[in-house]
Amino acid sequence: MPAVGCELRKFNKERNHVPSPIGAHQDLKLSDLVNNLRTVTSRLTRECYHEYIAGVYCKRCFWHRSCCIVSAGGAPVEIIKHDIENESFE
């Protein structure tokens, strides 16, 4: 994604979210990046899987409006994942 000014370092998928570590310059507007990713992935997914999606999904909006962006300052993915899995809300 050099045209946007960032690098997609890994792409994973979970049952209800998509963790995607991205390396980006501090001046990059993250809201623009998220909107761009949502627009492009929604369009490509609908094009590639139209028949399947048409049978199970009928909403106009493909992605949920909420998102979570975490700044990790270069910490390894394993440490970030460990911290998230072991966080406490007490």
N, C-alpha and C. Protein backbone atom coordinates (compact mmCIF):
# COMPACT_ATOMS: atom_id res chain seq x y z
N MET A 1 0.82 -1.18 0.00
CA MET A 1 0.00 0.00 0.00
C MET A 1 0.87 1.26 0.00
N PRO A 2 1.92 1.28 -0.83
CA PRO A 2 2.81 2.43 -0.86
C PRO A 2 2.11 3.72 -1.26
N ALA A 3 1.08 3.64 -2.11
CA ALA A 3 0.38 4.85 -2.54
C ALA A 3 -0.30 5.55 -1.37
N VAL A 4 -0.64 4.80 -0.35
CA VAL A 4 -1.31 5.37 0.82
C VAL A 4 -0.28 5.82 1.86
N GLY A 5 0.94 5.32 1.77
CA GLY A 5 1.99 5.71 2.70
C GLY A 5 2.13 4.77 3.88
N CYS A 6 1.81 3.49 3.67
CA CYS A 6 1.94 2.52 4.76
C CYS A 6 2.25 1.15 4.19
N GLU A 7 2.55 0.22 5.09
CA GLU A 7 2.89 -1.15 4.69
C GLU A 7 2.04 -2.13 5.49
N LEU A 8 1.32 -2.99 4.80
CA LEU A 8 0.55 -4.05 5.46
C LEU A 8 1.54 -5.16 5.78
N ARG A 9 1.80 -5.38 7.06
CA ARG A 9 2.82 -6.34 7.47
C ARG A 9 2.31 -7.76 7.59
N LYS A 10 1.03 -7.90 7.84
CA LYS A 10 0.44 -9.22 7.99
C LYS A 10 -1.07 -9.07 7.87
N PHE A 11 -1.74 -10.10 7.40
CA PHE A 11 -3.20 -10.05 7.29
C PHE A 11 -3.75 -11.33 7.88
N ASN A 12 -4.52 -11.20 8.94
CA ASN A 12 -5.13 -12.34 9.61
C ASN A 12 -6.63 -12.18 9.57
N LYS A 13 -7.33 -13.24 9.92
CA LYS A 13 -8.77 -13.11 10.09
C LYS A 13 -9.19 -13.95 11.28
N GLU A 14 -10.10 -13.40 12.01
CA GLU A 14 -10.70 -14.09 13.14
C GLU A 14 -12.18 -14.21 12.82
N ARG A 15 -12.93 -14.86 13.71
CA ARG A 15 -14.35 -15.05 13.46
C ARG A 15 -15.10 -13.73 13.31
N ASN A 16 -14.75 -12.73 14.09
CA ASN A 16 -15.51 -11.48 14.06
C ASN A 16 -14.65 -10.23 13.93
N HIS A 17 -13.39 -10.37 13.57
CA HIS A 17 -12.55 -9.20 13.34
C HIS A 17 -11.34 -9.58 12.48
N VAL A 18 -10.65 -8.55 12.00
CA VAL A 18 -9.50 -8.75 11.12
C VAL A 18 -8.30 -8.00 11.70
N PRO A 19 -7.44 -8.69 12.46
CA PRO A 19 -6.25 -8.01 12.97
C PRO A 19 -5.22 -7.87 11.84
N SER A 20 -4.79 -6.65 11.57
CA SER A 20 -3.88 -6.41 10.45
C SER A 20 -2.80 -5.41 10.86
N PRO A 21 -1.64 -5.88 11.29
CA PRO A 21 -0.56 -4.97 11.65
C PRO A 21 -0.11 -4.15 10.43
N ILE A 22 -0.04 -2.84 10.61
CA ILE A 22 0.31 -1.93 9.53
C ILE A 22 1.43 -1.02 10.03
N GLY A 23 2.46 -0.86 9.21
CA GLY A 23 3.51 0.11 9.49
C GLY A 23 3.18 1.40 8.74
N ALA A 24 3.09 2.52 9.45
CA ALA A 24 2.69 3.77 8.82
C ALA A 24 3.47 4.94 9.40
N HIS A 25 3.61 5.98 8.60
CA HIS A 25 4.24 7.20 9.06
C HIS A 25 3.29 7.91 10.02
N GLN A 26 3.84 8.61 10.98
CA GLN A 26 3.01 9.25 12.00
C GLN A 26 2.08 10.32 11.44
N ASP A 27 2.34 10.83 10.24
CA ASP A 27 1.48 11.86 9.65
C ASP A 27 0.29 11.28 8.89
N LEU A 28 0.24 9.96 8.73
CA LEU A 28 -0.86 9.34 8.01
C LEU A 28 -2.16 9.48 8.80
N LYS A 29 -3.22 9.92 8.13
CA LYS A 29 -4.52 10.02 8.77
C LYS A 29 -5.12 8.62 8.83
N LEU A 30 -5.20 8.06 10.01
CA LEU A 30 -5.69 6.69 10.16
C LEU A 30 -7.14 6.55 9.74
N SER A 31 -7.94 7.59 9.94
CA SER A 31 -9.34 7.51 9.51
C SER A 31 -9.43 7.38 7.99
N ASP A 32 -8.56 8.07 7.25
CA ASP A 32 -8.55 7.93 5.79
C ASP A 32 -8.12 6.53 5.38
N LEU A 33 -7.12 5.98 6.08
CA LEU A 33 -6.66 4.64 5.79
C LEU A 33 -7.78 3.61 6.01
N VAL A 34 -8.46 3.71 7.15
CA VAL A 34 -9.55 2.77 7.47
C VAL A 34 -10.66 2.88 6.43
N ASN A 35 -11.06 4.09 6.09
CA ASN A 35 -12.12 4.27 5.09
C ASN A 35 -11.71 3.70 3.74
N ASN A 36 -10.45 3.91 3.36
CA ASN A 36 -9.96 3.37 2.09
C ASN A 36 -9.98 1.85 2.11
N LEU A 37 -9.48 1.25 3.18
CA LEU A 37 -9.48 -0.22 3.30
C LEU A 37 -10.89 -0.79 3.26
N ARG A 38 -11.81 -0.14 3.95
CA ARG A 38 -13.19 -0.62 3.95
C ARG A 38 -13.81 -0.54 2.56
N THR A 39 -13.59 0.56 1.88
CA THR A 39 -14.17 0.75 0.54
C THR A 39 -13.63 -0.29 -0.44
N VAL A 40 -12.32 -0.43 -0.49
CA VAL A 40 -11.71 -1.34 -1.45
C VAL A 40 -12.04 -2.79 -1.14
N THR A 41 -11.89 -3.21 0.12
CA THR A 41 -12.16 -4.61 0.46
C THR A 41 -13.64 -4.95 0.28
N SER A 42 -14.51 -4.02 0.57
CA SER A 42 -15.95 -4.26 0.37
C SER A 42 -16.25 -4.48 -1.11
N ARG A 43 -15.71 -3.60 -1.95
CA ARG A 43 -15.94 -3.72 -3.39
C ARG A 43 -15.38 -5.02 -3.94
N LEU A 44 -14.14 -5.34 -3.58
CA LEU A 44 -13.51 -6.57 -4.09
C LEU A 44 -14.21 -7.83 -3.58
N THR A 45 -14.62 -7.82 -2.32
CA THR A 45 -15.31 -8.98 -1.76
C THR A 45 -16.64 -9.19 -2.46
N ARG A 46 -17.38 -8.11 -2.66
CA ARG A 46 -18.68 -8.23 -3.35
C ARG A 46 -18.50 -8.72 -4.79
N GLU A 47 -17.43 -8.25 -5.48
CA GLU A 47 -17.18 -8.70 -6.84
C GLU A 47 -16.79 -10.17 -6.89
N CYS A 48 -15.90 -10.59 -6.01
CA CYS A 48 -15.37 -11.96 -6.04
C CYS A 48 -16.36 -12.99 -5.51
N TYR A 49 -17.17 -12.61 -4.54
CA TYR A 49 -18.06 -13.57 -3.87
C TYR A 49 -19.52 -13.16 -3.97
N HIS A 50 -19.88 -12.55 -5.07
CA HIS A 50 -21.23 -12.00 -5.24
C HIS A 50 -22.33 -13.04 -4.99
N GLU A 51 -22.22 -14.19 -5.59
CA GLU A 51 -23.28 -15.20 -5.46
C GLU A 51 -23.45 -15.66 -4.02
N TYR A 52 -22.35 -15.88 -3.34
CA TYR A 52 -22.43 -16.33 -1.94
C TYR A 52 -22.98 -15.22 -1.05
N ILE A 53 -22.46 -14.02 -1.19
CA ILE A 53 -22.86 -12.90 -0.33
C ILE A 53 -24.33 -12.54 -0.55
N ALA A 54 -24.78 -12.57 -1.80
CA ALA A 54 -26.17 -12.22 -2.10
C ALA A 54 -27.15 -13.12 -1.36
N GLY A 55 -26.77 -14.36 -1.11
CA GLY A 55 -27.66 -15.29 -0.43
C GLY A 55 -27.69 -15.14 1.08
N VAL A 56 -26.70 -14.50 1.66
CA VAL A 56 -26.63 -14.42 3.12
C VAL A 56 -26.53 -13.00 3.67
N TYR A 57 -26.27 -12.03 2.80
CA TYR A 57 -26.04 -10.67 3.28
C TYR A 57 -26.78 -9.68 2.41
N CYS A 58 -27.67 -8.89 3.01
CA CYS A 58 -28.48 -7.98 2.19
C CYS A 58 -28.36 -6.51 2.58
N LYS A 59 -27.49 -6.17 3.53
CA LYS A 59 -27.34 -4.78 3.94
C LYS A 59 -26.47 -4.01 2.95
N ARG A 60 -26.67 -2.69 2.90
CA ARG A 60 -25.84 -1.84 2.03
C ARG A 60 -24.42 -1.74 2.57
N CYS A 61 -24.29 -1.61 3.88
CA CYS A 61 -22.99 -1.43 4.52
C CYS A 61 -22.36 -2.80 4.79
N PHE A 62 -21.20 -3.04 4.21
CA PHE A 62 -20.56 -4.35 4.35
C PHE A 62 -19.83 -4.47 5.69
N TRP A 63 -19.09 -3.46 6.05
CA TRP A 63 -18.32 -3.47 7.31
C TRP A 63 -19.09 -2.76 8.41
N HIS A 64 -18.85 -3.17 9.64
CA HIS A 64 -19.43 -2.49 10.79
C HIS A 64 -18.76 -1.13 10.92
N ARG A 65 -19.48 -0.14 11.41
CA ARG A 65 -18.93 1.21 11.50
C ARG A 65 -17.83 1.34 12.56
N SER A 66 -17.83 0.48 13.56
CA SER A 66 -16.83 0.60 14.62
C SER A 66 -15.49 0.02 14.18
N CYS A 67 -14.44 0.51 14.77
CA CYS A 67 -13.11 -0.04 14.52
C CYS A 67 -12.22 0.28 15.72
N CYS A 68 -11.13 -0.42 15.81
CA CYS A 68 -10.17 -0.21 16.88
C CYS A 68 -8.79 -0.11 16.24
N ILE A 69 -8.09 0.96 16.52
CA ILE A 69 -6.73 1.14 16.03
C ILE A 69 -5.83 1.27 17.26
N VAL A 70 -4.81 0.44 17.32
CA VAL A 70 -3.91 0.44 18.46
C VAL A 70 -2.52 0.82 17.98
N SER A 71 -1.91 1.80 18.62
CA SER A 71 -0.54 2.17 18.30
C SER A 71 0.39 1.39 19.21
N ALA A 72 1.33 0.67 18.59
CA ALA A 72 2.20 -0.21 19.38
C ALA A 72 3.65 0.24 19.38
N GLY A 73 3.99 1.23 18.61
CA GLY A 73 5.35 1.75 18.62
C GLY A 73 6.42 0.74 18.27
N GLY A 74 6.12 -0.21 17.41
CA GLY A 74 7.12 -1.17 16.96
C GLY A 74 7.25 -2.42 17.80
N ALA A 75 6.38 -2.61 18.77
CA ALA A 75 6.43 -3.83 19.59
C ALA A 75 6.10 -5.05 18.72
N PRO A 76 6.72 -6.18 18.99
CA PRO A 76 6.42 -7.39 18.21
C PRO A 76 4.96 -7.82 18.38
N VAL A 77 4.41 -8.41 17.34
CA VAL A 77 3.01 -8.84 17.33
C VAL A 77 2.73 -9.79 18.49
N GLU A 78 3.66 -10.67 18.81
CA GLU A 78 3.46 -11.63 19.89
C GLU A 78 3.20 -10.93 21.23
N ILE A 79 3.92 -9.86 21.49
CA ILE A 79 3.75 -9.11 22.75
C ILE A 79 2.40 -8.41 22.77
N ILE A 80 2.03 -7.80 21.66
CA ILE A 80 0.74 -7.11 21.57
C ILE A 80 -0.40 -8.11 21.77
N LYS A 81 -0.32 -9.25 21.10
CA LYS A 81 -1.36 -10.27 21.22
C LYS A 81 -1.45 -10.77 22.66
N HIS A 82 -0.31 -11.02 23.28
CA HIS A 82 -0.29 -11.46 24.68
C HIS A 82 -0.94 -10.42 25.59
N ASP A 83 -0.60 -9.15 25.41
CA ASP A 83 -1.18 -8.09 26.23
C ASP A 83 -2.70 -8.01 26.06
N ILE A 84 -3.19 -8.11 24.83
CA ILE A 84 -4.63 -8.04 24.57
C ILE A 84 -5.35 -9.22 25.20
N GLU A 85 -4.79 -10.41 25.03
CA GLU A 85 -5.43 -11.62 25.57
C GLU A 85 -5.45 -11.62 27.09
N ASN A 86 -4.51 -10.96 27.72
CA ASN A 86 -4.40 -10.98 29.18
C ASN A 86 -4.81 -9.69 29.86
N GLU A 87 -5.43 -8.77 29.11
CA GLU A 87 -5.84 -7.51 29.74
C GLU A 87 -7.01 -7.74 30.69
N SER A 88 -7.07 -6.92 31.70
CA SER A 88 -8.11 -7.04 32.71
C SER A 88 -8.94 -5.77 32.71
N PHE A 89 -10.22 -5.91 32.90
CA PHE A 89 -11.13 -4.75 32.91
C PHE A 89 -11.62 -4.45 34.32
N GLU A 90 -10.85 -4.81 35.32
CA GLU A 90 -11.25 -4.58 36.70
C GLU A 90 -10.95 -3.18 37.14
